[in-house]
Structure formats: C-alpha cells, structure tokens
C-alpha cells in the first residue's frame, strides 16, 4: 500500500492561499452587517473602523467552511428543482444594516405536475415498488407546502451533532434568528425562515418565525451600535467586553484577535489609533 499526502497538502495550500487572497482583496466598508449583529460591541466597533478580521487560522477550519458553502449550494439547487426558489443572495438593508439573504422561497409556485413531467415514468414506477414511502412523501408535498410562507430563508450548514440538538430541542440559537430576522424586517415580511442542513448527510430542517418576535431585539442592537459609534467619534469611548452566550468568549470563535477582547479601554484606543495612522483603516485619525 502506498500512502500519499500530496493532494491533501495541495488542497491545504490552495484553500489557505485563497482565504488570504480574499482577505487582501476585500475592502472593509465599515457598515454593520446582518451576520455581525450578534457580535460583541468591541468587534462591531472594529468593523466600523474598517479593520480586516482575522483569516481562518488553519486548513481544517477552511475545509469546514468550504463544506458549508457546498452544502448550502445543494439546498439552493434542490429548491430550484422543486420550483419554489424565487431569488438567491438578495440584498437587504434595514436601518443601515446590510446583508445578503441566501434564498427567497415561495411555496405557492410548487407544481407537482411540472416536476413530474421532467421525470422518467418508468423510474418513478420502480420507485413506487422499491421505495414507496419516498414517493408518497413527495405526493403529499402539495398539501403540506401550503404552510410554508413566502419569505427570506437563511441557510446554515451545521454539524450533525448540532443538527440533532436543534431538531430534538426545538430551539434555534439567538444569533441565527438575528440575521434572518433582519431580512424579514428589511423585506417588510411577516415571516422569516431558517434552513439548517446537516453537513454529513444533507438532511434539512426548516423553521419559520414571526418577524415581529425579533424586531425589538434587532432595534435595540442597532440603537446601541449607533450610540457606540457616536461615543467613539466624540469621546474615543470603548465599550466593555460583553458576550451574549458563553461560547462567544472562546478565542477560537472570535472574529478578531483576542487582544481586542482582553485589552483595557486605553490599550484599545491607543492600538486602534496607531493602526489608523499607519493606513491600516479607511477611517481617518481624529
């Protein structure tokens, strides 16, 4: 047996290079984004100051990210085959917060006859014999799909363990609902949705929420963000390090170097102004 690691070495190199290239070519614009609503205020301020966030630290993380992109693409392609996909990567803005909604789905466009017309009837007949439950579940879609409102559905690839927890507990993390909820507000839609895809076996779990359930929380975060920016511009005041959930305090999950979370307010201001003076931000020094 010959064991070869050349392909793995190449993929590690290529993914790492691509990640750093994207970081180099990505121009921060200082705008708060939907996916950043849940981030601690200190990191939101760094985004406002237009500092580049840290690249993924290792090939393993980059491979997981690539898998997530592929999994989400699979979900989008299945919605397209189903005939309920009306838009992808649609731009939304609410109170200056910007984001790209993964999918806009409209179940009223589902047409069983149209889907069946593209299929080989002999294969479908064979499926009725070999896997009847699969076919019966498909034929029941036209009744069940009526409960799926037209809305923006954010797609999240998750580990199988996380998928099981979401399905078993019926609980959706706060930070997921913030992002998707903002799209519901920007779309002036009563609903927003989240589609969780198990990264190992591509199972889907779709949950729909009332947009009004998240409005007060989203407005509060934006209000506090705007006040924080004003405090920085006028007084060079920096917020304390606070996280909503314990896991957000783990350094592996931090969007920026842990220094910005652990340093004093004075160290934060001094370092930020030094980086600005060095031209590492599009924000001018005060």
C-alpha atoms as a PDB file:
ATOM      1  CA  UNK A   1       0.000   0.000   0.000  1.00  0.00           C
ATOM      2  CA  UNK A   2       1.216   3.475  -0.892  1.00  0.00           C
ATOM      3  CA  UNK A   3       0.042   6.382   1.256  1.00  0.00           C
ATOM      4  CA  UNK A   4       0.177   9.725  -0.472  1.00  0.00           C
ATOM      5  CA  UNK A   5      -0.402  13.116   1.163  1.00  0.00           C
ATOM      6  CA  UNK A   6       0.379  15.288  -1.847  1.00  0.00           C
ATOM      7  CA  UNK A   7      -3.232  16.030  -2.749  1.00  0.00           C
ATOM      8  CA  UNK A   8      -4.075  16.890   0.838  1.00  0.00           C
ATOM      9  CA  UNK A   9      -1.051  19.183   1.024  1.00  0.00           C
ATOM     10  CA  UNK A  10      -2.113  20.914  -2.179  1.00  0.00           C
ATOM     11  CA  UNK A  11      -5.702  21.414  -1.001  1.00  0.00           C
ATOM     12  CA  UNK A  12      -4.479  22.805   2.329  1.00  0.00           C
ATOM     13  CA  UNK A  13      -2.200  25.215   0.472  1.00  0.00           C
ATOM     14  CA  UNK A  14      -4.833  26.228  -2.071  1.00  0.00           C
ATOM     15  CA  UNK A  15      -7.602  26.865   0.477  1.00  0.00           C
ATOM     16  CA  UNK A  16      -5.254  28.832   2.724  1.00  0.00           C
ATOM     17  CA  UNK A  17      -3.943  30.909  -0.177  1.00  0.00           C
ATOM     18  CA  UNK A  18      -7.473  31.623  -1.409  1.00  0.00           C
ATOM     19  CA  UNK A  19      -8.531  32.700   2.071  1.00  0.00           C
ATOM     20  CA  UNK A  20      -5.637  35.135   2.422  1.00  0.00           C
ATOM     21  CA  UNK A  21      -6.220  36.419  -1.110  1.00  0.00           C
ATOM     22  CA  UNK A  22      -9.865  37.131  -0.302  1.00  0.00           C
ATOM     23  CA  UNK A  23      -8.818  38.898   2.896  1.00  0.00           C
ATOM     24  CA  UNK A  24      -6.348  41.039   0.937  1.00  0.00           C
ATOM     25  CA  UNK A  25      -8.799  41.986  -1.798  1.00  0.00           C
ATOM     26  CA  UNK A  26     -11.799  42.505   0.485  1.00  0.00           C
ATOM     27  CA  UNK A  27     -12.286  46.198   1.168  1.00  0.00           C
ATOM     28  CA  UNK A  28     -13.984  46.819   4.527  1.00  0.00           C
ATOM     29  CA  UNK A  29     -16.667  49.486   4.213  1.00  0.00           C
ATOM     30  CA  UNK A  30     -17.413  49.978   7.889  1.00  0.00           C
ATOM     31  CA  UNK A  31     -21.069  49.036   7.594  1.00  0.00           C
ATOM     32  CA  UNK A  32     -22.707  46.839  10.170  1.00  0.00           C
ATOM     33  CA  UNK A  33     -23.952  43.655   8.520  1.00  0.00           C
ATOM     34  CA  UNK A  34     -26.796  41.310   9.402  1.00  0.00           C
ATOM     35  CA  UNK A  35     -24.374  38.500  10.150  1.00  0.00           C
ATOM     36  CA  UNK A  36     -22.496  40.750  12.593  1.00  0.00           C
ATOM     37  CA  UNK A  37     -25.467  41.802  14.730  1.00  0.00           C
ATOM     38  CA  UNK A  38     -24.668  39.161  17.341  1.00  0.00           C
ATOM     39  CA  UNK A  39     -21.005  40.044  17.640  1.00  0.00           C
ATOM     40  CA  UNK A  40     -19.760  41.753  20.826  1.00  0.00           C
ATOM     41  CA  UNK A  41     -19.728  45.558  20.613  1.00  0.00           C
ATOM     42  CA  UNK A  42     -15.934  45.749  20.662  1.00  0.00           C
ATOM     43  CA  UNK A  43     -15.806  43.726  17.461  1.00  0.00           C
ATOM     44  CA  UNK A  44     -18.631  45.752  15.913  1.00  0.00           C
ATOM     45  CA  UNK A  45     -16.528  48.852  16.562  1.00  0.00           C
ATOM     46  CA  UNK A  46     -13.530  47.268  14.824  1.00  0.00           C
ATOM     47  CA  UNK A  47     -15.751  46.597  11.827  1.00  0.00           C
ATOM     48  CA  UNK A  48     -16.866  50.245  11.868  1.00  0.00           C
ATOM     49  CA  UNK A  49     -13.189  51.241  11.947  1.00  0.00           C
ATOM     50  CA  UNK A  50     -12.714  49.094   8.853  1.00  0.00           C
ATOM     51  CA  UNK A  51     -10.063  46.745  10.181  1.00  0.00           C
ATOM     52  CA  UNK A  52      -9.706  43.397   8.446  1.00  0.00           C
ATOM     53  CA  UNK A  53     -10.925  40.488  10.575  1.00  0.00           C
ATOM     54  CA  UNK A  54      -8.578  37.584  11.150  1.00  0.00           C
ATOM     55  CA  UNK A  55      -8.392  34.919   8.412  1.00  0.00           C
ATOM     56  CA  UNK A  56      -9.386  31.372   9.294  1.00  0.00           C
ATOM     57  CA  UNK A  57      -6.390  30.043  11.247  1.00  0.00           C
ATOM     58  CA  UNK A  58      -5.952  26.561   9.812  1.00  0.00           C
ATOM     59  CA  UNK A  59      -6.794  24.293   6.857  1.00  0.00           C
ATOM     60  CA  UNK A  60      -9.269  22.295   8.952  1.00  0.00           C
ATOM     61  CA  UNK A  61     -11.423  25.388   9.528  1.00  0.00           C
ATOM     62  CA  UNK A  62     -11.182  26.312   5.867  1.00  0.00           C
ATOM     63  CA  UNK A  63     -12.270  22.829   4.825  1.00  0.00           C
ATOM     64  CA  UNK A  64     -15.295  23.094   7.115  1.00  0.00           C
ATOM     65  CA  UNK A  65     -16.168  26.453   5.586  1.00  0.00           C
ATOM     66  CA  UNK A  66     -15.831  25.032   2.062  1.00  0.00           C
ATOM     67  CA  UNK A  67     -18.083  22.142   3.031  1.00  0.00           C
ATOM     68  CA  UNK A  68     -20.626  24.632   4.325  1.00  0.00           C
ATOM     69  CA  UNK A  69     -20.618  26.532   1.033  1.00  0.00           C
ATOM     70  CA  UNK A  70     -21.152  23.294  -0.910  1.00  0.00           C
ATOM     71  CA  UNK A  71     -23.958  22.148   1.404  1.00  0.00           C
ATOM     72  CA  UNK A  72     -25.800  25.451   1.070  1.00  0.00           C
ATOM     73  CA  UNK A  73     -25.422  25.316  -2.721  1.00  0.00           C
ATOM     74  CA  UNK A  74     -27.017  21.860  -2.682  1.00  0.00           C
ATOM     75  CA  UNK A  75     -30.034  23.164  -0.746  1.00  0.00           C
ATOM     76  CA  UNK A  76     -30.463  26.061  -3.171  1.00  0.00           C
ATOM     77  CA  UNK A  77     -30.309  23.694  -6.160  1.00  0.00           C
ATOM     78  CA  UNK A  78     -32.971  21.426  -4.629  1.00  0.00           C
ATOM     79  CA  UNK A  79     -35.292  24.394  -4.023  1.00  0.00           C
ATOM     80  CA  UNK A  80     -34.775  25.369  -7.655  1.00  0.00           C
ATOM     81  CA  UNK A  81     -35.646  21.835  -8.818  1.00  0.00           C
ATOM     82  CA  UNK A  82     -38.729  21.974  -6.595  1.00  0.00           C
ATOM     83  CA  UNK A  83     -39.782  25.197  -8.304  1.00  0.00           C
ATOM     84  CA  UNK A  84     -40.078  27.310  -5.143  1.00  0.00           C
ATOM     85  CA  UNK A  85     -36.853  29.340  -5.451  1.00  0.00           C
ATOM     86  CA  UNK A  86     -37.568  32.930  -6.490  1.00  0.00           C
ATOM     87  CA  UNK A  87     -34.267  34.631  -5.610  1.00  0.00           C
ATOM     88  CA  UNK A  88     -30.821  33.994  -4.160  1.00  0.00           C
ATOM     89  CA  UNK A  89     -28.257  36.240  -2.483  1.00  0.00           C
ATOM     90  CA  UNK A  90     -30.761  39.088  -2.442  1.00  0.00           C
ATOM     91  CA  UNK A  91     -29.605  42.385  -0.957  1.00  0.00           C
ATOM     92  CA  UNK A  92     -31.436  43.721   2.084  1.00  0.00           C
ATOM     93  CA  UNK A  93     -30.947  46.840   4.195  1.00  0.00           C
ATOM     94  CA  UNK A  94     -32.707  47.768   7.422  1.00  0.00           C
ATOM     95  CA  UNK A  95     -31.743  50.904   9.342  1.00  0.00           C
ATOM     96  CA  UNK A  96     -28.387  50.946   7.581  1.00  0.00           C
ATOM     97  CA  UNK A  97     -27.595  47.301   8.367  1.00  0.00           C
ATOM     98  CA  UNK A  98     -26.826  45.365   5.217  1.00  0.00           C
ATOM     99  CA  UNK A  99     -26.931  41.688   4.285  1.00  0.00           C
ATOM    100  CA  UNK A 100     -27.461  39.102   1.578  1.00  0.00           C
ATOM    101  CA  UNK A 101     -30.387  36.739   2.092  1.00  0.00           C
ATOM    102  CA  UNK A 102     -29.492  33.235   0.943  1.00  0.00           C
ATOM    103  CA  UNK A 103     -32.863  32.328  -0.580  1.00  0.00           C
ATOM    104  CA  UNK A 104     -36.331  33.710  -1.159  1.00  0.00           C
ATOM    105  CA  UNK A 105     -38.783  30.808  -1.286  1.00  0.00           C
ATOM    106  CA  UNK A 106     -42.399  30.866  -2.454  1.00  0.00           C
ATOM    107  CA  UNK A 107     -44.252  27.594  -1.893  1.00  0.00           C
ATOM    108  CA  UNK A 108     -47.229  28.764  -3.950  1.00  0.00           C
ATOM    109  CA  UNK A 109     -45.122  28.214  -7.066  1.00  0.00           C
ATOM    110  CA  UNK A 110     -44.750  24.487  -6.370  1.00  0.00           C
ATOM    111  CA  UNK A 111     -46.330  22.496  -9.200  1.00  0.00           C
ATOM    112  CA  UNK A 112     -46.321  18.740  -8.805  1.00  0.00           C
ATOM    113  CA  UNK A 113     -47.332  18.134 -12.429  1.00  0.00           C
ATOM    114  CA  UNK A 114     -44.468  20.308 -13.659  1.00  0.00           C
ATOM    115  CA  UNK A 115     -41.956  18.382 -11.563  1.00  0.00           C
ATOM    116  CA  UNK A 116     -43.369  15.010 -12.639  1.00  0.00           C
ATOM    117  CA  UNK A 117     -43.245  15.988 -16.322  1.00  0.00           C
ATOM    118  CA  UNK A 118     -39.446  16.112 -16.123  1.00  0.00           C
ATOM    119  CA  UNK A 119     -39.142  12.615 -14.687  1.00  0.00           C
ATOM    120  CA  UNK A 120     -38.872   9.211 -16.316  1.00  0.00           C
ATOM    121  CA  UNK A 121     -42.230   7.479 -15.541  1.00  0.00           C
ATOM    122  CA  UNK A 122     -40.589   4.053 -15.552  1.00  0.00           C
ATOM    123  CA  UNK A 123     -38.158   5.145 -12.858  1.00  0.00           C
ATOM    124  CA  UNK A 124     -40.996   6.612 -10.800  1.00  0.00           C
ATOM    125  CA  UNK A 125     -42.915   3.339 -11.119  1.00  0.00           C
ATOM    126  CA  UNK A 126     -39.832   1.438  -9.965  1.00  0.00           C
ATOM    127  CA  UNK A 127     -39.522   3.791  -7.012  1.00  0.00           C
ATOM    128  CA  UNK A 128     -43.148   3.076  -6.107  1.00  0.00           C
ATOM    129  CA  UNK A 129     -42.206  -0.584  -5.847  1.00  0.00           C
ATOM    130  CA  UNK A 130     -38.819  -0.237  -4.155  1.00  0.00           C
ATOM    131  CA  UNK A 131     -39.189   2.917  -2.027  1.00  0.00           C
ATOM    132  CA  UNK A 132     -42.934   3.645  -1.785  1.00  0.00           C
ATOM    133  CA  UNK A 133     -42.632   5.898   1.276  1.00  0.00           C
ATOM    134  CA  UNK A 134     -40.301   8.241  -0.574  1.00  0.00           C
ATOM    135  CA  UNK A 135     -42.817   8.639  -3.388  1.00  0.00           C
ATOM    136  CA  UNK A 136     -45.763   9.003  -1.013  1.00  0.00           C
ATOM    137  CA  UNK A 137     -43.954  11.748   0.892  1.00  0.00           C
ATOM    138  CA  UNK A 138     -43.350  13.547  -2.390  1.00  0.00           C
ATOM    139  CA  UNK A 139     -47.004  13.284  -3.408  1.00  0.00           C
ATOM    140  CA  UNK A 140     -48.037  14.770  -0.060  1.00  0.00           C
ATOM    141  CA  UNK A 141     -45.954  17.903  -0.613  1.00  0.00           C
ATOM    142  CA  UNK A 142     -48.737  19.776  -2.421  1.00  0.00           C
ATOM    143  CA  UNK A 143     -50.815  19.751   0.785  1.00  0.00           C
ATOM    144  CA  UNK A 144     -48.057  20.326   3.339  1.00  0.00           C
ATOM    145  CA  UNK A 145     -46.264  23.028   1.374  1.00  0.00           C
ATOM    146  CA  UNK A 146     -49.153  25.431   1.884  1.00  0.00           C
ATOM    147  CA  UNK A 147     -47.896  26.035   5.425  1.00  0.00           C
ATOM    148  CA  UNK A 148     -44.610  27.429   4.115  1.00  0.00           C
ATOM    149  CA  UNK A 149     -44.999  31.217   3.690  1.00  0.00           C
ATOM    150  CA  UNK A 150     -43.154  33.214   1.069  1.00  0.00           C
ATOM    151  CA  UNK A 151     -40.164  34.703   2.852  1.00  0.00           C
ATOM    152  CA  UNK A 152     -36.401  35.009   3.045  1.00  0.00           C
ATOM    153  CA  UNK A 153     -34.810  31.783   4.278  1.00  0.00           C
ATOM    154  CA  UNK A 154     -31.268  31.938   5.593  1.00  0.00           C
ATOM    155  CA  UNK A 155     -29.369  28.684   5.038  1.00  0.00           C
ATOM    156  CA  UNK A 156     -26.999  27.324   7.680  1.00  0.00           C
ATOM    157  CA  UNK A 157     -24.769  24.279   7.351  1.00  0.00           C
ATOM    158  CA  UNK A 158     -24.285  22.648  10.765  1.00  0.00           C
ATOM    159  CA  UNK A 159     -22.560  19.581  12.153  1.00  0.00           C
ATOM    160  CA  UNK A 160     -24.725  16.504  12.604  1.00  0.00           C
ATOM    161  CA  UNK A 161     -24.471  16.868  16.381  1.00  0.00           C
ATOM    162  CA  UNK A 162     -25.728  20.455  16.182  1.00  0.00           C
ATOM    163  CA  UNK A 163     -28.457  19.403  13.785  1.00  0.00           C
ATOM    164  CA  UNK A 164     -29.649  16.733  16.225  1.00  0.00           C
ATOM    165  CA  UNK A 165     -29.686  19.252  19.077  1.00  0.00           C
ATOM    166  CA  UNK A 166     -31.758  21.722  17.029  1.00  0.00           C
ATOM    167  CA  UNK A 167     -34.261  19.051  15.969  1.00  0.00           C
ATOM    168  CA  UNK A 168     -34.525  17.361  19.380  1.00  0.00           C
ATOM    169  CA  UNK A 169     -34.668  20.527  21.477  1.00  0.00           C
ATOM    170  CA  UNK A 170     -36.654  22.622  19.020  1.00  0.00           C
ATOM    171  CA  UNK A 171     -34.517  25.609  19.968  1.00  0.00           C
ATOM    172  CA  UNK A 172     -32.857  27.954  17.485  1.00  0.00           C
ATOM    173  CA  UNK A 173     -29.872  29.994  18.618  1.00  0.00           C
ATOM    174  CA  UNK A 174     -30.394  33.725  19.138  1.00  0.00           C
ATOM    175  CA  UNK A 175     -27.608  34.748  16.747  1.00  0.00           C
ATOM    176  CA  UNK A 176     -29.137  32.810  13.844  1.00  0.00           C
ATOM    177  CA  UNK A 177     -32.516  34.486  14.328  1.00  0.00           C
ATOM    178  CA  UNK A 178     -30.973  37.959  14.477  1.00  0.00           C
ATOM    179  CA  UNK A 179     -29.546  37.685  10.977  1.00  0.00           C
ATOM    180  CA  UNK A 180     -32.587  36.129   9.357  1.00  0.00           C
ATOM    181  CA  UNK A 181     -34.959  38.347  11.330  1.00  0.00           C
ATOM    182  CA  UNK A 182     -33.313  41.455   9.945  1.00  0.00           C
ATOM    183  CA  UNK A 183     -34.036  40.193   6.425  1.00  0.00           C
ATOM    184  CA  UNK A 184     -37.677  39.789   7.399  1.00  0.00           C
ATOM    185  CA  UNK A 185     -37.769  43.390   8.618  1.00  0.00           C
ATOM    186  CA  UNK A 186     -35.999  44.696   5.522  1.00  0.00           C
ATOM    187  CA  UNK A 187     -38.383  42.704   3.327  1.00  0.00           C
ATOM    188  CA  UNK A 188     -41.378  44.059   5.259  1.00  0.00           C
ATOM    189  CA  UNK A 189     -42.477  40.450   5.594  1.00  0.00           C
ATOM    190  CA  UNK A 190     -44.447  38.920   8.444  1.00  0.00           C
ATOM    191  CA  UNK A 191     -42.175  35.894   8.407  1.00  0.00           C
ATOM    192  CA  UNK A 192     -38.571  34.857   8.047  1.00  0.00           C
ATOM    193  CA  UNK A 193     -37.102  31.385   7.857  1.00  0.00           C
ATOM    194  CA  UNK A 194     -34.004  29.402   8.731  1.00  0.00           C
ATOM    195  CA  UNK A 195     -32.968  26.237   6.922  1.00  0.00           C
ATOM    196  CA  UNK A 196     -30.457  24.078   8.794  1.00  0.00           C
ATOM    197  CA  UNK A 197     -28.615  21.472   6.729  1.00  0.00           C
ATOM    198  CA  UNK A 198     -26.726  18.596   8.329  1.00  0.00           C
ATOM    199  CA  UNK A 199     -23.284  18.761   6.759  1.00  0.00           C
ATOM    200  CA  UNK A 200     -22.731  14.984   6.852  1.00  0.00           C
ATOM    201  CA  UNK A 201     -25.916  13.699   5.230  1.00  0.00           C
ATOM    202  CA  UNK A 202     -27.680  16.820   3.873  1.00  0.00           C
ATOM    203  CA  UNK A 203     -30.847  16.463   5.970  1.00  0.00           C
ATOM    204  CA  UNK A 204     -32.904  19.668   6.038  1.00  0.00           C
ATOM    205  CA  UNK A 205     -34.688  21.248   8.990  1.00  0.00           C
ATOM    206  CA  UNK A 206     -36.668  24.369   8.072  1.00  0.00           C
ATOM    207  CA  UNK A 207     -38.161  26.653  10.730  1.00  0.00           C
ATOM    208  CA  UNK A 208     -40.371  29.710  10.163  1.00  0.00           C
ATOM    209  CA  UNK A 209     -40.738  32.581  12.621  1.00  0.00           C
ATOM    210  CA  UNK A 210     -42.792  35.716  13.048  1.00  0.00           C
ATOM    211  CA  UNK A 211     -40.653  38.725  12.175  1.00  0.00           C
ATOM    212  CA  UNK A 212     -42.174  40.805  14.956  1.00  0.00           C
ATOM    213  CA  UNK A 213     -40.682  38.385  17.504  1.00  0.00           C
ATOM    214  CA  UNK A 214     -37.193  39.706  16.717  1.00  0.00           C
ATOM    215  CA  UNK A 215     -37.892  43.371  15.911  1.00  0.00           C
ATOM    216  CA  UNK A 216     -37.379  44.809  19.401  1.00  0.00           C
ATOM    217  CA  UNK A 217     -34.110  42.902  19.877  1.00  0.00           C
ATOM    218  CA  UNK A 218     -32.744  43.928  16.483  1.00  0.00           C
ATOM    219  CA  UNK A 219     -33.725  47.567  17.014  1.00  0.00           C
ATOM    220  CA  UNK A 220     -32.055  47.533  20.442  1.00  0.00           C
ATOM    221  CA  UNK A 221     -28.783  46.234  18.991  1.00  0.00           C
ATOM    222  CA  UNK A 222     -28.804  48.843  16.222  1.00  0.00           C
ATOM    223  CA  UNK A 223     -29.591  51.612  18.729  1.00  0.00           C
ATOM    224  CA  UNK A 224     -26.679  50.528  20.915  1.00  0.00           C
ATOM    225  CA  UNK A 225     -24.393  50.261  17.885  1.00  0.00           C
ATOM    226  CA  UNK A 226     -25.230  53.805  16.787  1.00  0.00           C
ATOM    227  CA  UNK A 227     -24.653  55.116  20.331  1.00  0.00           C
ATOM    228  CA  UNK A 228     -21.319  53.271  20.482  1.00  0.00           C
ATOM    229  CA  UNK A 229     -20.147  54.825  17.207  1.00  0.00           C
ATOM    230  CA  UNK A 230     -21.152  58.279  18.464  1.00  0.00           C
ATOM    231  CA  UNK A 231     -19.227  57.709  21.707  1.00  0.00           C
ATOM    232  CA  UNK A 232     -16.139  56.689  19.748  1.00  0.00           C
ATOM    233  CA  UNK A 233     -16.237  59.619  17.348  1.00  0.00           C
ATOM    234  CA  UNK A 234     -16.884  62.204  20.028  1.00  0.00           C
ATOM    235  CA  UNK A 235     -15.080  60.848  23.074  1.00  0.00           C
ATOM    236  CA  UNK A 236     -12.968  57.878  21.955  1.00  0.00           C
ATOM    237  CA  UNK A 237     -15.007  55.782  24.354  1.00  0.00           C
ATOM    238  CA  UNK A 238     -14.787  51.993  24.034  1.00  0.00           C
ATOM    239  CA  UNK A 239     -17.435  49.540  25.301  1.00  0.00           C
ATOM    240  CA  UNK A 240     -16.644  46.825  27.803  1.00  0.00           C
ATOM    241  CA  UNK A 241     -16.170  43.268  26.583  1.00  0.00           C
ATOM    242  CA  UNK A 242     -19.522  41.519  26.869  1.00  0.00           C
ATOM    243  CA  UNK A 243     -20.906  38.401  25.158  1.00  0.00           C
ATOM    244  CA  UNK A 244     -24.456  37.107  24.873  1.00  0.00           C
ATOM    245  CA  UNK A 245     -23.535  33.408  25.136  1.00  0.00           C
ATOM    246  CA  UNK A 246     -20.531  31.772  26.823  1.00  0.00           C
ATOM    247  CA  UNK A 247     -19.211  30.176  23.618  1.00  0.00           C
ATOM    248  CA  UNK A 248     -18.705  33.651  22.136  1.00  0.00           C
ATOM    249  CA  UNK A 249     -15.962  34.236  24.691  1.00  0.00           C
ATOM    250  CA  UNK A 250     -13.895  31.357  23.329  1.00  0.00           C
ATOM    251  CA  UNK A 251     -10.964  32.676  21.345  1.00  0.00           C
ATOM    252  CA  UNK A 252     -11.360  30.123  18.547  1.00  0.00           C
ATOM    253  CA  UNK A 253     -14.729  31.685  17.688  1.00  0.00           C
ATOM    254  CA  UNK A 254     -13.577  35.301  17.772  1.00  0.00           C
ATOM    255  CA  UNK A 255     -13.753  37.301  14.545  1.00  0.00           C
ATOM    256  CA  UNK A 256     -10.745  39.408  15.549  1.00  0.00           C
ATOM    257  CA  UNK A 257      -7.560  38.854  17.503  1.00  0.00           C
ATOM    258  CA  UNK A 258      -8.354  38.130  21.175  1.00  0.00           C
ATOM    259  CA  UNK A 259      -6.272  41.174  22.115  1.00  0.00           C
ATOM    260  CA  UNK A 260      -9.254  43.387  21.294  1.00  0.00           C
ATOM    261  CA  UNK A 261     -11.438  41.464  23.724  1.00  0.00           C
ATOM    262  CA  UNK A 262      -8.964  41.275  26.613  1.00  0.00           C
ATOM    263  CA  UNK A 263      -7.247  44.681  26.469  1.00  0.00           C
ATOM    264  CA  UNK A 264      -8.140  47.730  28.549  1.00  0.00           C
ATOM    265  CA  UNK A 265     -10.089  50.615  27.066  1.00  0.00           C
ATOM    266  CA  UNK A 266      -6.917  52.714  26.934  1.00  0.00           C
ATOM    267  CA  UNK A 267      -4.987  49.950  25.124  1.00  0.00           C
ATOM    268  CA  UNK A 268      -7.853  49.547  22.662  1.00  0.00           C
ATOM    269  CA  UNK A 269      -7.897  53.270  21.817  1.00  0.00           C
ATOM    270  CA  UNK A 270      -4.100  53.532  21.572  1.00  0.00           C
ATOM    271  CA  UNK A 271      -3.737  50.491  19.306  1.00  0.00           C
ATOM    272  CA  UNK A 272      -6.673  51.435  17.093  1.00  0.00           C
ATOM    273  CA  UNK A 273      -5.335  54.952  16.545  1.00  0.00           C
ATOM    274  CA  UNK A 274      -1.866  53.583  15.792  1.00  0.00           C
ATOM    275  CA  UNK A 275      -3.295  51.268  13.129  1.00  0.00           C
ATOM    276  CA  UNK A 276      -5.376  54.096  11.669  1.00  0.00           C
ATOM    277  CA  UNK A 277      -2.287  56.353  11.477  1.00  0.00           C
ATOM    278  CA  UNK A 278      -0.426  53.552   9.690  1.00  0.00           C
ATOM    279  CA  UNK A 279      -3.074  53.484   6.972  1.00  0.00           C
ATOM    280  CA  UNK A 280      -4.495  50.131   8.037  1.00  0.00           C
ATOM    281  CA  UNK A 281      -8.021  51.538   8.143  1.00  0.00           C
ATOM    282  CA  UNK A 282     -10.076  53.741   5.854  1.00  0.00           C
ATOM    283  CA  UNK A 283     -11.039  55.825   8.876  1.00  0.00           C
ATOM    284  CA  UNK A 284      -9.046  58.981   9.305  1.00  0.00           C
ATOM    285  CA  UNK A 285      -7.341  59.730  12.610  1.00  0.00           C
ATOM    286  CA  UNK A 286      -9.171  62.184  14.826  1.00  0.00           C
END
